[in-house]
Amino acid sequence: MWSAGCLLMLLSVSVVCPEDWNKMAKDTLYNALKLEPNKKVAKNVIVFIGDGMGLSTINAARIYRGQKNNRPGEETVLEWEKFPHAAFSKIYGADKQVPDSAQTATAILGGVKVNYKTVGVTDKVAGLDCDTLLRLGEAAHVKSVLRKALEEGKSTGVVTVTRLTHATPAATYAHSAHRNWESDADVSEAARGKCHDIAYQLVHNNSDIQVLLGGGRRGFYPANHPDPETGRTDVNKRQDGNNLVQDWVDTQRSKGRKQAFVWKKDDFENLDVNSVDYLLGLFSPSHMAYEIDRNNSGSGEPSLSEMTSKAIKILQRNKDKGFFLLVEGGLIDVAHHDSLAKKALEETLQLEEAVRVAASLTDEEETLMIVTADHSHAFSLAGYTKRGNPVLGLVDDEAYAIEPALDNKPYTALVYGNGPGWKSIRENLTGVDTGSNEYIPQSAVPMEYETHSAEDVGIFARGPMSHLFHGVHEQHYVAHVVQYAACIGDYRDSCDREDRGTSGSASPSLLFWGLVVLGVFTRIL
């Protein structure tokens, strides 16, 4: 991208090289002129959700990756930024200006906006309202695109580094008046015994999901049951005595399915993708380890990209119908809530690696890939910093001279609007290692946990019908594009299936009549 001489100057003093700026823009323009919409039916769909991965996080992660490779960073292109189509998503909920992950994941995967902390139910159900959910029954259920894919014979999977019962993965299969009802021990007193918890719903109502990988063992085992990794009996939560892992295994066996349950990395790595059709992996009692800490976590855990690879290799064996897969980079959000900026950026780069792996294993002509976020965070990169200023570091002296802090103390380029980084007297950061794994940037408002923000998030797409992402959209539009692209669900019989031929070529009907006309002229001549 850069000339050799210009690159050397860039690495030293961050100068502008006009010939390279022009070339960069011209290359982008010429590539854009070659774009033709892919109107084929999507055999496969992969939706990546970076939980909390707002545009500010993408921007910081882009620079961070470049700087990890000894570049200034700003010129870095993340894997999804190479996709030909992009748009913005408006992320408000049915009742919230700033939403939570349950209602936004339900919008992305279910196609409607819903209420705060509800998952897989319509906006007729308020948070904690088990009685209304029971009274309305299936009329209150929001069916996800995963369930609609299953109805068309597609294989399906869910991959996350959070608990499998956490808000985003739960939106693919559960119907709950509250996202926190992950095990029966979490269900409110008023709802207990009436509304089933999320883990129960996963095992007893969704045994046809082929691949389930993530954390959250504690919601599946009864209290006092030894944790398989540590042997501890004070980890697991279920009060009803149900061993849902065993229930899952028994169900798969009763249906004659080749199945496997794994809880540690060695068993996961040794698993032959051709010998198993149904896979449940629960690699931690709660969330899995941050990528930056992963190799130090007990028996070890697979990475998000490794789980994505395994899932695709199992699901793509459905040669006829294809598959739907959700992949969540869920610890981006967890890190931001604790204001652990470096870990949030590392998790973003691990999601990028998962996208890169998925792209290498699938055919763009038949696989719709979407990368988006459910919401953003009160997170910002600011301060008039120079090109190449360490994104995890202090605002440089030159920028500080332009706009010094009124208390005459240095400040970091990355800051949070609220969260645990607030102190009544701002700390002097001189000599502080702001690039350490555990460093918490300063924030403006004191809170135990940092919050989401209301800013729009990105949608990046490639593959069949990805050009339908083209401007500013309501968040629930994503689920409608998925259904139309794959001819499932609401658009099963109205997706112009007959006219969607090979990408960039005439539709089958036009091609047919073209051949007829050519044959007529040939006979005349």
Protein backbone atom coordinates (compact mmCIF):
# COMPACT_ATOMS: atom_id res chain seq x y z
CA MET A 1 0.00 0.00 0.00
CA TRP A 2 2.85 2.38 0.85
CA SER A 3 6.01 3.11 -1.17
CA ALA A 4 9.19 1.94 0.57
CA GLY A 5 10.53 5.45 1.16
CA CYS A 6 7.19 6.76 2.34
CA LEU A 7 6.74 3.80 4.73
CA LEU A 8 10.08 4.52 6.38
CA MET A 9 9.07 8.14 6.91
CA LEU A 10 5.66 7.09 8.18
CA LEU A 11 7.21 4.84 10.79
CA SER A 12 9.47 7.62 12.00
CA VAL A 13 7.58 10.91 11.77
CA SER A 14 4.14 10.02 10.34
CA VAL A 15 4.38 12.23 7.28
CA VAL A 16 1.79 12.31 4.50
CA CYS A 17 2.79 10.88 1.13
CA PRO A 18 0.39 12.29 -1.51
CA GLU A 19 1.12 9.67 -4.15
CA ASP A 20 0.18 6.88 -1.76
CA TRP A 21 -2.97 8.61 -0.54
CA ASN A 22 -4.06 8.98 -4.17
CA LYS A 23 -3.23 5.38 -4.98
CA MET A 24 -5.15 4.15 -1.93
CA ALA A 25 -8.25 6.10 -2.96
CA LYS A 26 -8.00 5.18 -6.65
CA ASP A 27 -7.61 1.47 -5.88
CA THR A 28 -10.70 1.64 -3.69
CA LEU A 29 -12.63 3.48 -6.40
CA TYR A 30 -11.71 1.05 -9.16
CA ASN A 31 -12.60 -1.92 -6.96
CA ALA A 32 -15.96 -0.30 -6.21
CA LEU A 33 -16.64 0.14 -9.92
CA LYS A 34 -16.23 -3.61 -10.40
CA LEU A 35 -18.83 -4.51 -7.77
CA GLU A 36 -21.88 -6.43 -8.96
CA PRO A 37 -24.62 -7.56 -6.58
CA ASN A 38 -24.69 -11.23 -5.75
CA LYS A 39 -28.39 -12.13 -6.00
CA LYS A 40 -28.04 -15.87 -5.48
CA VAL A 41 -29.92 -17.67 -2.73
CA ALA A 42 -27.67 -17.92 0.33
CA LYS A 43 -27.05 -21.58 1.06
CA ASN A 44 -25.22 -20.67 4.26
CA VAL A 45 -25.48 -17.72 6.64
CA ILE A 46 -23.00 -16.74 9.34
CA VAL A 47 -23.86 -13.85 11.65
CA PHE A 48 -21.03 -12.46 13.78
CA ILE A 49 -22.07 -10.26 16.69
CA GLY A 50 -19.36 -8.34 18.46
CA ASP A 51 -21.19 -7.68 21.71
CA GLY A 52 -20.53 -4.04 22.54
CA MET A 53 -18.35 -3.60 19.45
CA GLY A 54 -19.29 -0.04 18.56
CA LEU A 55 -17.52 2.06 15.96
CA SER A 56 -15.26 3.56 18.63
CA THR A 57 -14.12 0.06 19.58
CA ILE A 58 -13.54 -0.91 15.94
CA ASN A 59 -11.51 2.25 15.41
CA ALA A 60 -9.32 1.65 18.47
CA ALA A 61 -8.92 -2.06 17.64
CA ARG A 62 -7.87 -1.20 14.08
CA ILE A 63 -5.11 1.08 15.35
CA TYR A 64 -4.13 -1.38 18.07
CA ARG A 65 -3.68 -4.23 15.58
CA GLY A 66 -1.53 -2.09 13.34
CA GLN A 67 0.63 -1.01 16.26
CA LYS A 68 1.07 -4.62 17.37
CA ASN A 69 2.65 -5.09 13.93
CA ASN A 70 4.94 -2.07 14.33
CA ARG A 71 2.85 0.18 12.11
CA PRO A 72 1.31 3.57 12.89
CA GLY A 73 -2.02 1.71 13.01
CA GLU A 74 -4.55 4.07 11.50
CA GLU A 75 -4.15 2.62 8.00
CA THR A 76 -4.97 -0.93 9.18
CA VAL A 77 -7.92 -2.69 7.53
CA LEU A 78 -9.78 -5.20 9.68
CA GLU A 79 -11.12 -8.34 8.03
CA TRP A 80 -14.75 -7.20 7.91
CA GLU A 81 -13.69 -3.82 6.58
CA LYS A 82 -12.72 -5.65 3.38
CA PHE A 83 -16.34 -6.67 2.86
CA PRO A 84 -17.97 -4.92 -0.12
CA HIS A 85 -21.10 -3.71 1.65
CA ALA A 86 -21.61 -1.77 4.86
CA ALA A 87 -24.36 0.13 6.64
CA PHE A 88 -25.37 1.55 9.99
CA SER A 89 -27.79 0.06 12.50
CA LYS A 90 -30.06 2.07 14.84
CA ILE A 91 -29.95 0.14 18.07
CA TYR A 92 -32.69 1.53 20.32
CA GLY A 93 -35.18 -0.89 21.86
CA ALA A 94 -38.97 -0.87 22.05
CA ASP A 95 -38.76 0.85 25.44
CA LYS A 96 -35.15 2.04 25.71
CA GLN A 97 -33.08 4.77 24.08
CA VAL A 98 -29.97 2.92 25.29
CA PRO A 99 -30.71 -0.82 25.12
CA ASP A 100 -29.32 -4.01 26.62
CA SER A 101 -27.99 -7.04 24.77
CA ALA A 102 -31.09 -9.22 25.17
CA GLN A 103 -33.38 -6.84 23.34
CA THR A 104 -30.81 -5.94 20.68
CA ALA A 105 -29.88 -9.59 20.01
CA THR A 106 -33.58 -10.39 19.70
CA ALA A 107 -33.88 -7.58 17.16
CA ILE A 108 -30.91 -8.81 15.09
CA LEU A 109 -31.95 -12.45 15.19
CA GLY A 110 -35.73 -12.18 15.57
CA GLY A 111 -36.67 -9.28 13.34
CA VAL A 112 -38.61 -7.13 15.85
CA LYS A 113 -37.77 -4.64 18.59
CA VAL A 114 -38.58 -5.78 22.13
CA ASN A 115 -38.37 -4.62 25.76
CA TYR A 116 -35.43 -4.20 28.10
CA LYS A 117 -33.86 -7.46 29.32
CA THR A 118 -36.43 -9.67 27.57
CA VAL A 119 -35.19 -12.26 25.12
CA GLY A 120 -37.10 -13.99 22.33
CA VAL A 121 -40.48 -12.49 23.26
CA THR A 122 -42.52 -9.69 21.70
CA ASP A 123 -42.92 -6.21 23.14
CA LYS A 124 -46.21 -7.36 24.69
CA VAL A 125 -44.06 -8.90 27.44
CA ALA A 126 -42.33 -6.60 29.91
CA GLY A 127 -39.25 -7.54 31.89
CA LEU A 128 -39.94 -10.14 34.61
CA ASP A 129 -43.55 -10.59 33.42
CA CYS A 130 -43.82 -14.37 33.42
CA ASP A 131 -47.62 -14.26 33.74
CA THR A 132 -48.14 -12.37 30.47
CA LEU A 133 -45.71 -14.67 28.70
CA LEU A 134 -47.66 -17.71 29.90
CA ARG A 135 -51.02 -16.15 29.08
CA LEU A 136 -50.03 -15.27 25.52
CA GLY A 137 -48.13 -18.51 24.95
CA GLU A 138 -46.59 -18.93 21.52
CA ALA A 139 -48.19 -15.66 20.39
CA ALA A 140 -45.57 -13.93 22.55
CA HIS A 141 -42.66 -15.93 21.13
CA VAL A 142 -40.24 -14.36 18.67
CA LYS A 143 -38.93 -17.09 16.41
CA SER A 144 -35.27 -16.53 15.55
CA VAL A 145 -33.65 -16.91 12.15
CA LEU A 146 -31.86 -19.96 13.56
CA ARG A 147 -35.19 -21.67 14.23
CA LYS A 148 -36.45 -20.66 10.78
CA ALA A 149 -33.30 -22.10 9.22
CA LEU A 150 -33.94 -25.38 11.05
CA GLU A 151 -37.45 -25.51 9.60
CA GLU A 152 -35.89 -25.51 6.13
CA GLY A 153 -33.58 -28.40 6.93
CA LYS A 154 -30.44 -26.36 7.49
CA SER A 155 -27.89 -27.34 10.10
CA THR A 156 -27.44 -24.75 12.84
CA GLY A 157 -24.95 -23.74 15.48
CA VAL A 158 -24.14 -21.21 18.18
CA VAL A 159 -20.60 -20.27 19.20
CA THR A 160 -19.74 -17.81 21.98
CA VAL A 161 -17.11 -17.11 24.61
CA THR A 162 -19.78 -16.07 27.11
CA ARG A 163 -22.17 -18.45 28.81
CA LEU A 164 -24.32 -20.25 26.25
CA THR A 165 -27.29 -19.02 28.27
CA HIS A 166 -26.17 -15.38 28.10
CA ALA A 167 -28.34 -12.78 26.37
CA THR A 168 -27.01 -12.91 22.80
CA PRO A 169 -26.83 -16.69 22.28
CA ALA A 170 -30.13 -17.09 24.14
CA ALA A 171 -31.86 -14.97 21.50
CA THR A 172 -31.41 -17.81 19.01
CA TYR A 173 -33.45 -20.35 20.99
CA ALA A 174 -35.06 -19.04 24.20
CA HIS A 175 -38.25 -17.18 25.12
CA SER A 176 -37.81 -15.54 28.49
CA ALA A 177 -39.27 -12.56 30.32
CA HIS A 178 -35.83 -11.88 31.73
CA ARG A 179 -32.35 -12.53 30.37
CA ASN A 180 -31.00 -13.29 33.85
CA TRP A 181 -33.18 -16.40 34.21
CA GLU A 182 -30.29 -18.56 33.00
CA SER A 183 -30.85 -21.40 35.47
CA ASP A 184 -33.79 -22.24 37.69
CA ALA A 185 -31.90 -20.74 40.63
CA ASP A 186 -31.95 -17.38 38.81
CA VAL A 187 -35.70 -17.29 38.12
CA SER A 188 -37.64 -14.85 40.30
CA GLU A 189 -39.76 -16.22 43.14
CA ALA A 190 -42.94 -15.11 41.36
CA ALA A 191 -42.00 -16.97 38.18
CA ARG A 192 -40.29 -20.05 39.61
CA GLY A 193 -42.10 -23.24 38.71
CA LYS A 194 -44.04 -21.44 35.96
CA CYS A 195 -41.56 -20.06 33.43
CA HIS A 196 -38.70 -22.34 32.43
CA ASP A 197 -35.15 -21.06 32.70
CA ILE A 198 -32.97 -20.53 29.63
CA ALA A 199 -30.68 -23.54 30.10
CA TYR A 200 -33.70 -25.82 30.46
CA GLN A 201 -35.18 -24.40 27.26
CA LEU A 202 -31.94 -24.98 25.39
CA VAL A 203 -31.72 -28.66 26.29
CA HIS A 204 -35.40 -29.65 26.31
CA ASN A 205 -36.79 -27.48 23.50
CA ASN A 206 -33.83 -27.12 21.15
CA SER A 207 -32.11 -30.49 20.92
CA ASP A 208 -32.03 -30.10 17.12
CA ILE A 209 -29.34 -27.39 17.23
CA GLN A 210 -26.27 -29.30 16.08
CA VAL A 211 -23.37 -27.28 17.49
CA LEU A 212 -23.38 -25.45 20.83
CA LEU A 213 -20.03 -24.11 22.07
CA GLY A 214 -19.31 -21.68 24.88
CA GLY A 215 -19.19 -21.34 28.65
CA GLY A 216 -21.81 -21.61 31.38
CA ARG A 217 -21.61 -25.13 32.81
CA ARG A 218 -22.99 -23.91 36.14
CA GLY A 219 -26.49 -23.45 34.72
CA PHE A 220 -26.61 -27.04 33.44
CA TYR A 221 -25.46 -29.03 36.48
CA PRO A 222 -27.30 -29.40 39.82
CA ALA A 223 -25.92 -27.70 42.89
CA ASN A 224 -23.40 -29.92 44.75
CA HIS A 225 -22.56 -31.74 41.51
CA PRO A 226 -18.76 -31.74 41.13
CA ASP A 227 -17.48 -29.43 38.44
CA PRO A 228 -15.72 -31.66 35.87
CA GLU A 229 -12.66 -29.42 35.71
CA THR A 230 -12.01 -28.58 39.37
CA GLY A 231 -14.08 -31.14 41.26
CA ARG A 232 -15.55 -28.33 43.36
CA THR A 233 -19.11 -28.80 44.59
CA ASP A 234 -19.88 -25.13 45.24
CA VAL A 235 -19.87 -24.00 41.59
CA ASN A 236 -23.04 -25.30 39.98
CA LYS A 237 -26.44 -23.71 40.47
CA ARG A 238 -29.45 -25.83 39.54
CA GLN A 239 -31.95 -26.35 42.35
CA ASP A 240 -34.31 -28.73 40.51
CA GLY A 241 -31.84 -31.62 40.56
CA ASN A 242 -31.73 -31.83 36.76
CA ASN A 243 -28.42 -32.67 35.13
CA LEU A 244 -29.05 -30.95 31.81
CA VAL A 245 -25.79 -32.16 30.30
CA GLN A 246 -26.87 -35.74 30.83
CA ASP A 247 -30.35 -34.88 29.58
CA TRP A 248 -28.81 -33.51 26.37
CA VAL A 249 -26.68 -36.64 25.88
CA ASP A 250 -29.63 -38.94 26.57
CA THR A 251 -31.85 -37.06 24.11
CA GLN A 252 -29.28 -37.28 21.32
CA ARG A 253 -28.72 -40.98 21.98
CA SER A 254 -32.47 -41.67 22.00
CA LYS A 255 -32.67 -40.14 18.53
CA GLY A 256 -29.77 -42.26 17.29
CA ARG A 257 -27.54 -39.25 16.68
CA LYS A 258 -23.75 -39.24 16.75
CA GLN A 259 -23.07 -36.84 19.62
CA ALA A 260 -20.30 -35.61 21.87
CA PHE A 261 -20.07 -33.49 25.00
CA VAL A 262 -16.72 -31.83 25.73
CA TRP A 263 -15.57 -29.52 28.50
CA LYS A 264 -11.81 -29.21 27.96
CA LYS A 265 -9.56 -28.14 25.12
CA ASP A 266 -7.79 -31.47 24.58
CA ASP A 267 -11.05 -33.33 23.96
CA PHE A 268 -12.26 -30.51 21.73
CA GLU A 269 -9.09 -30.54 19.63
CA ASN A 270 -9.10 -34.32 19.29
CA LEU A 271 -12.72 -34.40 18.12
CA ASP A 272 -13.13 -35.73 14.57
CA VAL A 273 -15.62 -33.45 12.82
CA ASN A 274 -16.67 -36.35 10.58
CA SER A 275 -17.57 -38.59 13.51
CA VAL A 276 -20.03 -36.30 15.28
CA ASP A 277 -23.25 -34.63 14.16
CA TYR A 278 -24.27 -33.01 17.47
CA LEU A 279 -21.73 -31.28 19.68
CA LEU A 280 -22.15 -29.59 23.05
CA GLY A 281 -19.10 -27.86 24.51
CA LEU A 282 -19.19 -26.12 27.89
CA PHE A 283 -15.68 -24.96 28.67
CA SER A 284 -16.14 -22.95 31.86
CA PRO A 285 -18.60 -22.66 34.76
CA SER A 286 -19.33 -19.06 33.73
CA HIS A 287 -17.87 -17.00 30.88
CA MET A 288 -14.77 -18.35 29.18
CA ALA A 289 -11.40 -16.69 29.76
CA TYR A 290 -10.35 -13.51 28.01
CA GLU A 291 -8.21 -14.28 24.97
CA ILE A 292 -5.24 -12.57 26.59
CA ASP A 293 -5.56 -14.90 29.63
CA ARG A 294 -6.84 -18.01 27.85
CA ASN A 295 -3.72 -20.17 27.95
CA ASN A 296 -3.45 -19.64 31.70
CA SER A 297 -6.97 -20.85 32.42
CA GLY A 298 -7.06 -24.25 34.13
CA SER A 299 -7.20 -27.07 31.61
CA GLY A 300 -7.15 -24.58 28.77
CA GLU A 301 -9.96 -23.46 26.53
CA PRO A 302 -10.34 -23.26 22.75
CA SER A 303 -10.31 -19.80 21.22
CA LEU A 304 -13.31 -18.22 19.52
CA SER A 305 -11.67 -18.74 16.14
CA GLU A 306 -10.94 -22.41 16.89
CA MET A 307 -14.55 -23.01 17.92
CA THR A 308 -15.76 -21.21 14.79
CA SER A 309 -13.59 -23.42 12.61
CA LYS A 310 -14.82 -26.63 14.25
CA ALA A 311 -18.45 -25.52 14.02
CA ILE A 312 -18.25 -24.69 10.32
CA LYS A 313 -16.54 -27.99 9.51
CA ILE A 314 -19.36 -29.90 11.20
CA LEU A 315 -22.22 -27.81 9.83
CA GLN A 316 -20.99 -27.65 6.23
CA ARG A 317 -21.38 -31.40 5.95
CA ASN A 318 -25.02 -30.58 5.20
CA LYS A 319 -24.22 -30.41 1.50
CA ASP A 320 -27.82 -30.12 0.37
CA LYS A 321 -29.44 -27.51 2.63
CA GLY A 322 -26.45 -25.64 4.09
CA PHE A 323 -26.31 -24.05 7.52
CA PHE A 324 -26.87 -21.06 9.80
CA LEU A 325 -24.27 -20.15 12.42
CA LEU A 326 -24.18 -17.43 15.07
CA VAL A 327 -20.74 -16.46 16.39
CA GLU A 328 -20.57 -14.02 19.30
CA GLY A 329 -17.51 -12.14 20.49
CA GLY A 330 -19.21 -11.65 23.84
CA LEU A 331 -16.26 -10.70 26.02
CA ILE A 332 -15.78 -7.39 24.21
CA ASP A 333 -18.82 -6.25 26.15
CA VAL A 334 -17.78 -7.86 29.43
CA ALA A 335 -14.38 -6.15 29.26
CA HIS A 336 -15.92 -2.76 28.50
CA HIS A 337 -18.29 -3.01 31.45
CA ASP A 338 -15.24 -3.46 33.68
CA SER A 339 -13.45 -0.69 31.71
CA LEU A 340 -10.64 -3.07 30.71
CA ALA A 341 -9.92 -1.37 27.41
CA LYS A 342 -6.96 -3.52 26.34
CA LYS A 343 -8.90 -6.73 26.89
CA ALA A 344 -11.86 -5.34 24.92
CA LEU A 345 -9.53 -4.62 21.98
CA GLU A 346 -7.91 -8.05 22.20
CA GLU A 347 -11.36 -9.65 22.14
CA THR A 348 -12.23 -7.59 19.07
CA LEU A 349 -9.13 -8.88 17.31
CA GLN A 350 -10.06 -12.45 18.24
CA LEU A 351 -13.46 -11.91 16.66
CA GLU A 352 -11.61 -10.65 13.59
CA GLU A 353 -9.60 -13.89 13.54
CA ALA A 354 -12.86 -15.87 13.70
CA VAL A 355 -14.16 -13.88 10.71
CA ARG A 356 -10.93 -14.56 8.84
CA VAL A 357 -11.20 -18.30 9.55
CA ALA A 358 -14.83 -18.39 8.44
CA ALA A 359 -13.98 -16.56 5.22
CA SER A 360 -11.26 -19.08 4.44
CA LEU A 361 -13.61 -22.05 4.98
CA THR A 362 -16.61 -20.83 2.99
CA ASP A 363 -17.43 -19.75 -0.56
CA GLU A 364 -18.43 -16.10 -0.82
CA GLU A 365 -20.72 -16.94 -3.74
CA GLU A 366 -23.00 -19.07 -1.55
CA THR A 367 -22.39 -17.85 2.01
CA LEU A 368 -23.81 -14.63 3.41
CA MET A 369 -21.53 -13.32 6.16
CA ILE A 370 -22.66 -10.44 8.38
CA VAL A 371 -20.54 -8.75 11.03
CA THR A 372 -22.34 -6.35 13.33
CA ALA A 373 -22.72 -5.28 16.96
CA ASP A 374 -25.71 -5.23 19.25
CA HIS A 375 -24.75 -1.88 20.78
CA SER A 376 -21.79 0.34 21.58
CA HIS A 377 -20.24 1.61 24.83
CA ALA A 378 -19.44 4.93 26.48
CA PHE A 379 -15.90 4.61 25.10
CA SER A 380 -13.88 7.16 23.18
CA LEU A 381 -10.51 7.86 21.54
CA ALA A 382 -9.77 11.58 21.72
CA GLY A 383 -7.17 14.27 22.35
CA TYR A 384 -5.71 15.46 18.98
CA THR A 385 -3.11 12.69 19.11
CA LYS A 386 -0.48 12.45 16.36
CA ARG A 387 -0.30 9.63 13.82
CA GLY A 388 0.96 6.47 15.45
CA ASN A 389 0.46 7.64 19.04
CA PRO A 390 0.13 4.45 21.16
CA VAL A 391 -3.61 3.85 21.33
CA LEU A 392 -3.28 2.49 24.87
CA GLY A 393 -0.93 5.29 25.92
CA LEU A 394 -1.04 8.89 27.02
CA VAL A 395 -1.91 11.75 24.72
CA ASP A 396 1.40 12.87 23.24
CA ASP A 397 3.19 16.08 24.25
CA GLU A 398 2.39 17.85 21.00
CA ALA A 399 -1.32 17.17 21.35
CA TYR A 400 -1.23 18.03 25.04
CA ALA A 401 0.26 21.41 24.16
CA ILE A 402 -2.68 22.04 21.82
CA GLU A 403 -5.31 21.11 24.41
CA PRO A 404 -3.86 20.59 27.92
CA ALA A 405 -5.92 19.25 30.81
CA LEU A 406 -7.08 22.00 33.16
CA ASP A 407 -5.54 20.16 36.11
CA ASN A 408 -2.18 19.99 34.27
CA LYS A 409 -2.06 16.18 34.54
CA PRO A 410 -1.48 13.83 31.60
CA TYR A 411 -4.42 11.82 30.29
CA THR A 412 -4.95 8.73 28.16
CA ALA A 413 -6.25 8.81 24.60
CA LEU A 414 -8.83 6.16 25.51
CA VAL A 415 -11.40 7.20 28.09
CA TYR A 416 -14.81 6.07 29.32
CA GLY A 417 -17.83 8.29 29.86
CA ASN A 418 -18.71 6.41 33.03
CA GLY A 419 -17.54 3.40 35.01
CA PRO A 420 -15.08 2.25 37.67
CA GLY A 421 -12.24 4.47 36.40
CA TRP A 422 -13.59 7.57 38.17
CA LYS A 423 -11.78 9.01 41.19
CA SER A 424 -12.68 12.10 43.17
CA ILE A 425 -9.21 13.50 42.51
CA ARG A 426 -7.87 12.57 39.08
CA GLU A 427 -4.76 10.42 39.29
CA ASN A 428 -1.48 11.71 37.91
CA LEU A 429 -0.66 9.15 35.21
CA THR A 430 3.03 10.02 34.93
CA GLY A 431 4.91 6.72 35.03
CA VAL A 432 1.73 4.60 35.07
CA ASP A 433 1.70 1.61 32.69
CA THR A 434 -1.53 2.42 30.86
CA GLY A 435 -0.87 -0.45 28.43
CA SER A 436 -1.06 -3.20 31.05
CA ASN A 437 -3.68 -5.91 30.74
CA GLU A 438 -5.56 -4.78 33.85
CA TYR A 439 -5.32 -1.00 33.45
CA ILE A 440 -8.67 0.80 33.80
CA PRO A 441 -8.80 4.13 31.92
CA GLN A 442 -10.28 7.10 33.70
CA SER A 443 -13.99 7.87 33.42
CA ALA A 444 -16.17 10.92 33.97
CA VAL A 445 -18.98 9.45 36.09
CA PRO A 446 -18.46 7.03 39.02
CA MET A 447 -20.26 3.74 38.46
CA GLU A 448 -19.57 0.15 39.44
CA TYR A 449 -19.88 -0.92 35.82
CA GLU A 450 -19.57 1.12 32.64
CA THR A 451 -22.72 1.32 30.50
CA HIS A 452 -23.80 0.90 26.90
CA SER A 453 -24.25 3.89 24.62
CA ALA A 454 -26.92 4.78 22.06
CA GLU A 455 -24.69 5.41 19.04
CA ASP A 456 -25.35 3.56 15.80
CA VAL A 457 -23.25 0.47 15.10
CA GLY A 458 -21.84 -0.91 11.87
CA ILE A 459 -23.12 -3.69 9.64
CA PHE A 460 -20.53 -5.26 7.33
CA ALA A 461 -21.59 -7.90 4.82
CA ARG A 462 -20.44 -10.04 1.92
CA GLY A 463 -22.05 -12.82 -0.11
CA PRO A 464 -25.56 -13.33 -1.49
CA MET A 465 -27.83 -10.28 -1.12
CA SER A 466 -25.27 -8.44 1.01
CA HIS A 467 -25.93 -5.33 -1.08
CA LEU A 468 -29.23 -5.01 0.81
CA PHE A 469 -27.16 -3.41 3.57
CA HIS A 470 -26.78 0.00 2.02
CA GLY A 471 -27.59 2.89 4.36
CA VAL A 472 -28.99 3.51 7.82
CA HIS A 473 -31.27 0.69 8.96
CA GLU A 474 -33.37 -0.26 11.93
CA GLN A 475 -31.53 -3.02 13.78
CA HIS A 476 -34.27 -5.61 13.29
CA TYR A 477 -33.87 -5.24 9.50
CA VAL A 478 -30.86 -7.58 9.74
CA ALA A 479 -33.07 -10.62 10.43
CA HIS A 480 -35.23 -9.78 7.42
CA VAL A 481 -32.22 -9.64 5.09
CA VAL A 482 -31.04 -13.00 6.43
CA GLN A 483 -34.43 -14.56 5.72
CA TYR A 484 -34.76 -13.03 2.27
CA ALA A 485 -31.20 -13.97 1.30
CA ALA A 486 -31.67 -17.60 2.36
CA CYS A 487 -35.37 -17.88 1.31
CA ILE A 488 -36.46 -18.96 4.77
CA GLY A 489 -39.04 -17.88 7.33
CA ASP A 490 -41.16 -14.88 6.40
CA TYR A 491 -39.67 -14.84 2.88
CA ARG A 492 -39.72 -18.53 2.10
CA ASP A 493 -42.21 -18.09 -0.73
CA SER A 494 -41.55 -14.45 -1.65
CA CYS A 495 -37.81 -14.17 -2.19
CA ASP A 496 -37.85 -14.20 -6.05
CA ARG A 497 -36.11 -17.56 -5.87
CA GLU A 498 -36.67 -18.31 -9.57
CA ASP A 499 -34.99 -15.09 -10.72
CA ARG A 500 -31.91 -15.34 -8.53
CA GLY A 501 -29.34 -17.06 -10.67
CA THR A 502 -25.54 -16.94 -10.75
CA SER A 503 -24.06 -13.74 -9.34
CA GLY A 504 -23.40 -11.13 -12.00
CA SER A 505 -25.19 -13.03 -14.76
CA ALA A 506 -28.64 -12.92 -16.25
CA SER A 507 -31.41 -14.58 -14.30
CA PRO A 508 -32.46 -18.10 -15.39
CA SER A 509 -35.66 -16.82 -17.01
CA LEU A 510 -33.82 -14.19 -19.06
CA LEU A 511 -31.18 -16.71 -20.03
CA PHE A 512 -33.88 -19.16 -21.13
CA TRP A 513 -35.62 -16.65 -23.40
CA GLY A 514 -32.28 -15.46 -24.72
CA LEU A 515 -31.47 -19.00 -25.85
CA VAL A 516 -34.93 -19.35 -27.41
CA VAL A 517 -34.46 -16.15 -29.43
CA LEU A 518 -30.97 -17.22 -30.47
CA GLY A 519 -32.37 -20.57 -31.65
CA VAL A 520 -35.06 -18.85 -33.72
CA PHE A 521 -32.55 -16.58 -35.45
CA THR A 522 -30.24 -19.52 -36.08
CA ARG A 523 -33.02 -21.41 -37.87
CA ILE A 524 -33.96 -18.35 -39.94
CA LEU A 525 -30.38 -17.87 -41.03
